[in-house]
Protein backbone atom coordinates (compact mmCIF):
# COMPACT_ATOMS: atom_id res chain seq x y z
CA UNK A 1 -87.72 30.06 -168.33
CA UNK A 2 -84.82 31.91 -169.99
CA UNK A 3 -85.31 35.65 -169.85
CA UNK A 4 -84.95 37.84 -172.91
CA UNK A 5 -82.42 40.69 -172.63
CA UNK A 6 -85.18 43.19 -171.88
CA UNK A 7 -86.82 40.83 -169.44
CA UNK A 8 -83.55 40.14 -167.67
CA UNK A 9 -82.81 43.84 -167.21
CA UNK A 10 -86.30 44.45 -165.85
CA UNK A 11 -85.96 41.50 -163.48
CA UNK A 12 -82.65 42.78 -162.13
CA UNK A 13 -84.11 46.23 -161.45
CA UNK A 14 -86.83 44.62 -159.37
CA UNK A 15 -84.57 42.05 -157.70
CA UNK A 16 -80.98 43.09 -156.83
CA UNK A 17 -80.28 39.46 -155.91
CA UNK A 18 -80.55 38.63 -159.60
CA UNK A 19 -77.56 40.92 -160.21
CA UNK A 20 -75.58 39.18 -157.46
CA UNK A 21 -76.35 35.70 -158.77
CA UNK A 22 -75.46 36.62 -162.34
CA UNK A 23 -72.19 38.27 -161.32
CA UNK A 24 -71.10 35.46 -159.03
CA UNK A 25 -71.78 32.96 -161.80
CA UNK A 26 -69.30 34.85 -164.00
CA UNK A 27 -66.49 33.84 -161.61
CA UNK A 28 -67.18 30.12 -162.02
CA UNK A 29 -65.47 29.95 -165.41
CA UNK A 30 -63.71 33.25 -165.94
CA UNK A 31 -63.89 34.61 -169.48
CA UNK A 32 -63.87 38.31 -168.56
CA UNK A 33 -60.91 39.29 -170.74
CA UNK A 34 -59.69 38.31 -174.19
CA UNK A 35 -57.60 35.48 -172.74
CA UNK A 36 -60.76 33.59 -171.68
CA UNK A 37 -58.67 31.44 -169.31
CA UNK A 38 -61.69 29.63 -167.81
CA UNK A 39 -60.33 29.63 -164.23
CA UNK A 40 -62.86 28.92 -161.46
CA UNK A 41 -62.13 31.90 -159.23
CA UNK A 42 -64.65 30.80 -156.61
CA UNK A 43 -62.16 28.13 -155.51
CA UNK A 44 -59.40 30.68 -154.95
CA UNK A 45 -57.66 29.96 -158.26
CA UNK A 46 -56.19 32.96 -160.05
CA UNK A 47 -55.54 33.46 -163.74
CA UNK A 48 -52.86 35.62 -165.40
CA UNK A 49 -54.58 38.79 -164.14
CA UNK A 50 -54.17 37.74 -160.51
CA UNK A 51 -57.82 38.45 -159.75
CA UNK A 52 -59.45 36.53 -156.92
CA UNK A 53 -62.86 36.57 -155.31
CA UNK A 54 -62.57 39.93 -153.55
CA UNK A 55 -61.61 42.99 -155.62
CA UNK A 56 -58.11 44.28 -154.93
CA UNK A 57 -57.81 48.07 -154.93
CA UNK A 58 -54.58 50.06 -154.97
CA UNK A 59 -55.85 53.63 -154.56
CA UNK A 60 -58.91 55.82 -154.86
CA UNK A 61 -58.70 59.58 -155.27
CA UNK A 62 -59.93 62.68 -157.06
CA UNK A 63 -57.76 62.63 -160.18
CA UNK A 64 -57.06 65.82 -162.15
CA UNK A 65 -55.08 64.15 -164.92
CA UNK A 66 -57.86 62.65 -167.02
CA UNK A 67 -59.32 64.32 -170.12
CA UNK A 68 -61.07 67.64 -169.29
CA UNK A 69 -64.62 66.24 -169.74
CA UNK A 70 -63.79 63.73 -166.98
CA UNK A 71 -61.56 65.65 -164.55
CA UNK A 72 -63.40 68.97 -164.77
CA UNK A 73 -62.53 71.28 -161.90
CA UNK A 74 -63.05 68.87 -158.98
CA UNK A 75 -61.48 65.71 -160.36
CA UNK A 76 -62.51 62.29 -161.58
CA UNK A 77 -63.18 59.84 -158.75
CA UNK A 78 -60.71 57.17 -159.80
CA UNK A 79 -60.58 53.71 -158.26
CA UNK A 80 -57.38 51.92 -159.31
CA UNK A 81 -57.79 48.14 -159.31
CA UNK A 82 -54.70 45.97 -158.82
CA UNK A 83 -53.65 43.37 -161.37
CA UNK A 84 -54.23 43.34 -165.11
CA UNK A 85 -54.99 40.95 -167.96
CA UNK A 86 -52.14 42.42 -170.02
CA UNK A 87 -48.38 42.32 -169.48
CA UNK A 88 -47.31 45.56 -171.13
CA UNK A 89 -43.53 45.92 -171.09
CA UNK A 90 -43.89 49.70 -170.80
CA UNK A 91 -46.74 49.92 -168.26
CA UNK A 92 -46.54 53.17 -166.26
CA UNK A 93 -48.76 51.62 -163.58
CA UNK A 94 -46.65 48.46 -163.26
CA UNK A 95 -46.46 48.83 -159.47
CA UNK A 96 -50.13 47.96 -159.26
CA UNK A 97 -50.74 46.13 -162.55
CA UNK A 98 -47.79 43.72 -162.34
CA UNK A 99 -46.66 43.86 -158.70
CA UNK A 100 -50.33 44.05 -157.65
CA UNK A 101 -49.88 46.47 -154.80
CA UNK A 102 -53.13 47.11 -152.99
CA UNK A 103 -55.65 45.74 -150.55
CA UNK A 104 -58.61 43.43 -150.92
CA UNK A 105 -61.95 45.06 -150.18
CA UNK A 106 -65.45 43.67 -150.01
CA UNK A 107 -68.13 44.54 -152.54
CA UNK A 108 -69.84 46.48 -149.75
CA UNK A 109 -66.70 48.51 -149.08
CA UNK A 110 -66.24 49.14 -152.81
CA UNK A 111 -69.74 50.61 -152.94
CA UNK A 112 -68.90 52.82 -149.95
CA UNK A 113 -65.79 54.09 -151.73
CA UNK A 114 -67.90 55.09 -154.73
CA UNK A 115 -70.26 57.03 -152.49
CA UNK A 116 -67.34 58.66 -150.66
CA UNK A 117 -65.90 59.88 -153.96
CA UNK A 118 -69.22 61.44 -154.89
CA UNK A 119 -69.48 62.97 -151.43
CA UNK A 120 -66.04 64.56 -151.83
CA UNK A 121 -67.23 66.39 -154.95
CA UNK A 122 -65.85 64.22 -157.75
CA UNK A 123 -67.62 64.56 -161.08
CA UNK A 124 -67.77 60.81 -161.71
CA UNK A 125 -66.71 57.39 -160.47
CA UNK A 126 -63.85 56.18 -162.67
CA UNK A 127 -63.10 52.44 -162.57
CA UNK A 128 -59.49 52.00 -163.73
CA UNK A 129 -58.51 48.53 -165.03
CA UNK A 130 -61.79 46.96 -163.90
CA UNK A 131 -62.05 44.12 -166.46
CA UNK A 132 -60.97 41.25 -164.19
CA UNK A 133 -63.24 42.58 -161.44
CA UNK A 134 -66.25 43.38 -163.62
CA UNK A 135 -68.64 41.12 -161.63
CA UNK A 136 -67.64 42.64 -158.30
CA UNK A 137 -67.75 46.16 -159.75
CA UNK A 138 -71.23 45.52 -161.14
CA UNK A 139 -72.46 44.33 -157.74
CA UNK A 140 -70.88 47.34 -156.02
CA UNK A 141 -72.44 49.73 -158.53
CA UNK A 142 -75.85 48.17 -158.00
CA UNK A 143 -75.45 48.59 -154.25
CA UNK A 144 -74.13 52.16 -154.55
CA UNK A 145 -77.00 53.23 -156.83
CA UNK A 146 -79.52 51.84 -154.35
CA UNK A 147 -77.76 53.89 -151.64
CA UNK A 148 -77.90 57.13 -153.63
CA UNK A 149 -75.00 57.26 -156.11
CA UNK A 150 -75.99 59.75 -158.82
CA UNK A 151 -72.82 60.77 -160.69
CA UNK A 152 -71.80 59.11 -163.98
CA UNK A 153 -69.73 55.92 -163.93
CA UNK A 154 -66.65 55.59 -166.15
CA UNK A 155 -65.29 52.19 -167.25
CA UNK A 156 -61.61 52.84 -167.96
CA UNK A 157 -59.99 49.76 -169.51
CA UNK A 158 -57.26 48.35 -171.73
CA UNK A 159 -59.91 47.45 -174.28
CA UNK A 160 -59.26 43.70 -174.00
CA UNK A 161 -62.68 43.14 -172.46
CA UNK A 162 -64.88 40.19 -173.36
CA UNK A 163 -68.53 40.53 -174.42
CA UNK A 164 -69.46 38.75 -171.18
CA UNK A 165 -67.69 41.35 -169.03
CA UNK A 166 -69.32 44.22 -170.88
CA UNK A 167 -72.75 42.60 -170.64
CA UNK A 168 -72.40 42.72 -166.85
CA UNK A 169 -71.81 46.47 -167.03
CA UNK A 170 -74.67 47.30 -169.38
CA UNK A 171 -77.00 49.83 -167.81
CA UNK A 172 -74.50 50.45 -164.99
CA UNK A 173 -71.80 52.32 -166.94
CA UNK A 174 -72.39 55.75 -168.46
CA UNK A 175 -69.02 56.40 -170.09
CA UNK A 176 -66.63 53.91 -171.65
CA UNK A 177 -62.96 54.94 -171.80
CA UNK A 178 -61.16 52.10 -173.64
CA UNK A 179 -57.65 51.92 -175.02
CA UNK A 180 -56.77 50.99 -178.58
CA UNK A 181 -53.23 49.84 -177.86
CA UNK A 182 -52.32 48.16 -181.12
CA UNK A 183 -53.36 47.55 -184.71
CA UNK A 184 -51.12 44.47 -185.02
CA UNK A 185 -51.63 41.15 -183.22
CA UNK A 186 -47.95 40.27 -183.41
CA UNK A 187 -47.00 43.57 -181.75
CA UNK A 188 -49.68 43.08 -179.08
CA UNK A 189 -48.36 39.59 -178.36
CA UNK A 190 -44.76 40.76 -178.18
CA UNK A 191 -45.27 43.89 -176.07
CA UNK A 192 -48.32 42.99 -173.96
CA UNK A 193 -48.65 39.20 -174.15
CA UNK A 194 -52.19 39.65 -175.46
CA UNK A 195 -53.31 37.04 -178.02
CA UNK A 196 -55.73 38.25 -180.71
CA UNK A 197 -55.75 41.74 -179.22
CA UNK A 198 -56.91 43.55 -182.35
CA UNK A 199 -60.01 41.43 -182.91
CA UNK A 200 -60.91 41.35 -179.22
CA UNK A 201 -60.34 45.09 -178.88
CA UNK A 202 -62.48 46.03 -181.85
CA UNK A 203 -65.19 43.65 -180.72
CA UNK A 204 -65.14 45.29 -177.27
CA UNK A 205 -65.31 48.83 -178.65
CA UNK A 206 -68.25 47.88 -180.83
CA UNK A 207 -70.09 46.47 -177.80
CA UNK A 208 -69.28 49.53 -175.69
CA UNK A 209 -70.52 51.90 -178.36
CA UNK A 210 -73.74 49.93 -178.75
CA UNK A 211 -74.43 50.59 -175.06
CA UNK A 212 -73.60 54.30 -174.77
CA UNK A 213 -73.07 55.83 -178.23
CA UNK A 214 -71.17 59.02 -179.01
CA UNK A 215 -69.72 61.14 -176.21
CA UNK A 216 -72.28 63.58 -174.81
CA UNK A 217 -71.02 66.58 -172.83
CA UNK A 218 -73.00 69.01 -170.72
CA UNK A 219 -73.13 72.24 -172.78
CA UNK A 220 -72.76 74.38 -169.66
CA UNK A 221 -69.96 72.56 -167.82
CA UNK A 222 -68.27 70.57 -170.59
CA UNK A 223 -68.43 67.47 -168.40
CA UNK A 224 -69.06 64.10 -170.01
CA UNK A 225 -72.47 62.65 -169.25
CA UNK A 226 -72.54 59.55 -171.44
CA UNK A 227 -70.78 57.94 -174.39
CA UNK A 228 -67.45 56.47 -175.49
CA UNK A 229 -64.06 58.17 -175.57
CA UNK A 230 -61.29 56.09 -177.15
CA UNK A 231 -57.69 56.47 -176.00
CA UNK A 232 -54.67 55.81 -178.20
CA UNK A 233 -51.22 56.01 -176.61
CA UNK A 234 -48.77 56.96 -179.35
CA UNK A 235 -45.70 54.71 -179.05
CA UNK A 236 -42.16 55.29 -180.34
CA UNK A 237 -41.37 53.83 -183.73
CA UNK A 238 -45.01 53.65 -184.80
CA UNK A 239 -45.62 50.53 -182.69
CA UNK A 240 -49.20 51.53 -181.80
CA UNK A 241 -50.34 51.52 -185.43
CA UNK A 242 -52.13 54.83 -184.96
CA UNK A 243 -53.13 55.33 -188.59
CA UNK A 244 -54.69 51.86 -188.84
CA UNK A 245 -56.64 52.29 -185.59
CA UNK A 246 -57.89 55.76 -186.50
CA UNK A 247 -58.94 54.57 -189.94
CA UNK A 248 -60.90 51.71 -188.41
CA UNK A 249 -62.62 54.04 -185.92
CA UNK A 250 -63.62 56.47 -188.66
CA UNK A 251 -64.99 53.69 -190.85
CA UNK A 252 -66.68 51.63 -188.11
CA UNK A 253 -68.28 54.51 -186.21
CA UNK A 254 -67.56 57.89 -187.85
CA UNK A 255 -65.05 60.73 -187.45
CA UNK A 256 -67.46 62.06 -184.81
CA UNK A 257 -66.22 59.43 -182.36
CA UNK A 258 -64.32 61.02 -179.46
CA UNK A 259 -60.60 60.19 -179.46
CA UNK A 260 -57.81 61.08 -177.05
CA UNK A 261 -54.33 60.91 -178.61
CA UNK A 262 -51.93 60.52 -175.69
CA UNK A 263 -48.30 61.57 -175.96
CA UNK A 264 -47.28 60.73 -172.39
CA UNK A 265 -45.27 57.60 -173.21
CA UNK A 266 -42.29 57.11 -170.88
CA UNK A 267 -39.69 54.29 -170.96
CA UNK A 268 -40.60 52.46 -167.75
CA UNK A 269 -40.72 48.93 -166.34
CA UNK A 270 -39.25 46.48 -168.90
CA UNK A 271 -39.01 48.99 -171.74
CA UNK A 272 -35.54 50.16 -170.73
CA UNK A 273 -32.87 48.72 -173.01
CA UNK A 274 -35.45 47.69 -175.61
CA UNK A 275 -35.36 50.04 -178.63
CA UNK A 276 -37.38 51.95 -179.64
CA UNK A 277 -39.32 51.66 -176.36
CA UNK A 278 -36.29 52.82 -174.39
CA UNK A 279 -36.81 56.45 -175.38
CA UNK A 280 -39.52 59.05 -175.11
CA UNK A 281 -41.82 59.87 -177.96
CA UNK A 282 -40.41 62.29 -180.52
CA UNK A 283 -42.40 65.44 -181.13
CA UNK A 284 -42.47 64.60 -184.83
CA UNK A 285 -44.02 61.19 -184.07
CA UNK A 286 -46.79 62.74 -182.02
CA UNK A 287 -47.44 65.50 -184.53
CA UNK A 288 -47.74 62.89 -187.28
CA UNK A 289 -50.43 61.10 -185.25
CA UNK A 290 -52.37 64.33 -184.74
CA UNK A 291 -52.09 65.24 -188.41
CA UNK A 292 -53.38 61.79 -189.36
CA UNK A 293 -56.44 62.25 -187.13
CA UNK A 294 -57.11 65.68 -188.59
CA UNK A 295 -56.72 64.38 -192.16
CA UNK A 296 -59.28 61.66 -191.41
CA UNK A 297 -61.71 64.35 -190.26
CA UNK A 298 -61.96 63.57 -186.55
CA UNK A 299 -64.20 66.19 -184.98
CA UNK A 300 -63.85 65.43 -181.27
CA UNK A 301 -60.11 65.06 -180.69
CA UNK A 302 -58.14 65.53 -177.48
CA UNK A 303 -54.40 66.15 -177.74
CA UNK A 304 -51.60 66.59 -175.20
CA UNK A 305 -48.82 69.05 -174.60
CA UNK A 306 -45.70 66.86 -174.69
CA UNK A 307 -43.90 69.24 -172.34
CA UNK A 308 -46.25 68.17 -169.55
CA UNK A 309 -46.12 64.43 -170.26
CA UNK A 310 -43.72 63.61 -167.40
CA UNK A 311 -46.22 64.96 -164.88
CA UNK A 312 -48.59 62.12 -165.73
CA UNK A 313 -46.22 59.33 -164.64
CA UNK A 314 -47.50 58.06 -161.27
CA UNK A 315 -45.64 56.88 -158.19
CA UNK A 316 -48.04 54.64 -156.30
CA UNK A 317 -45.69 54.42 -153.33
CA UNK A 318 -46.23 58.14 -152.69
CA UNK A 319 -49.09 59.62 -150.69
CA UNK A 320 -50.07 61.59 -153.81
CA UNK A 321 -49.27 59.35 -156.82
CA UNK A 322 -49.80 62.11 -159.40
CA UNK A 323 -48.01 65.43 -159.27
CA UNK A 324 -50.95 67.39 -160.66
CA UNK A 325 -53.42 66.08 -158.05
């Protein structure tokens, strides 16, 4: 008998094996990202993301460089997954997203890492670029919760997630932290090799919001407890389509939706020698983005000091990848 959504969730709470079976089935014909490549990862085949059967992890650490509701005073417990569904020419994490530095870990070990991050005092578990490992992350979260994980879980993605991937995370993720990279499919294809990015991205954000709603912060600590916080990286030359994305967010959800306007763009990886990506963001470009958000009435807006943007560029070959950690 096919379970209804409510019935399925209830069944999984009573039987953790149901979670495992459902997640493993998702690897049979992989449609976790907007590419929907259909690779059978159980056979060892790998799609464009490079994801296999075991999750590949580059680093895990208490990260002080996230938005204040996430980093707080003790840091966000970030787990950086290797590989990525996108091929961004300007990726600041290209060492792990494109070169796929890291080590394969079991689902059991991934759950242990989550518990270790909580034990070290982190305010949350922050899954960075988890889309292509959503089934394994879901199984690890189920295991970690059964073993005592209590802090919120953050799903920190490029926003090119499929409905199937997000369905696996429903009830397991407290905070969604998606990107809105582009408002133009042609730009997304050219700069990130991501077909139909805009439609897939907006579909994903709608699904995320339906699960967790508006960002909810603890009134005493200011820490995020639940909800969605949308990130927009402002690109040189208006390539991100900030005004179009902000207008869509305001119309689809409301100006109460939490937005982080990031000004930390740096010309890295394949962006060098490719104008206008070969330069840093102009202050006037960032200020225009902020003014647009304010004009649209956004009430929960995070902005950056451009003078500190270089600090956020990581070096994953270093013992401490981020200079503010």
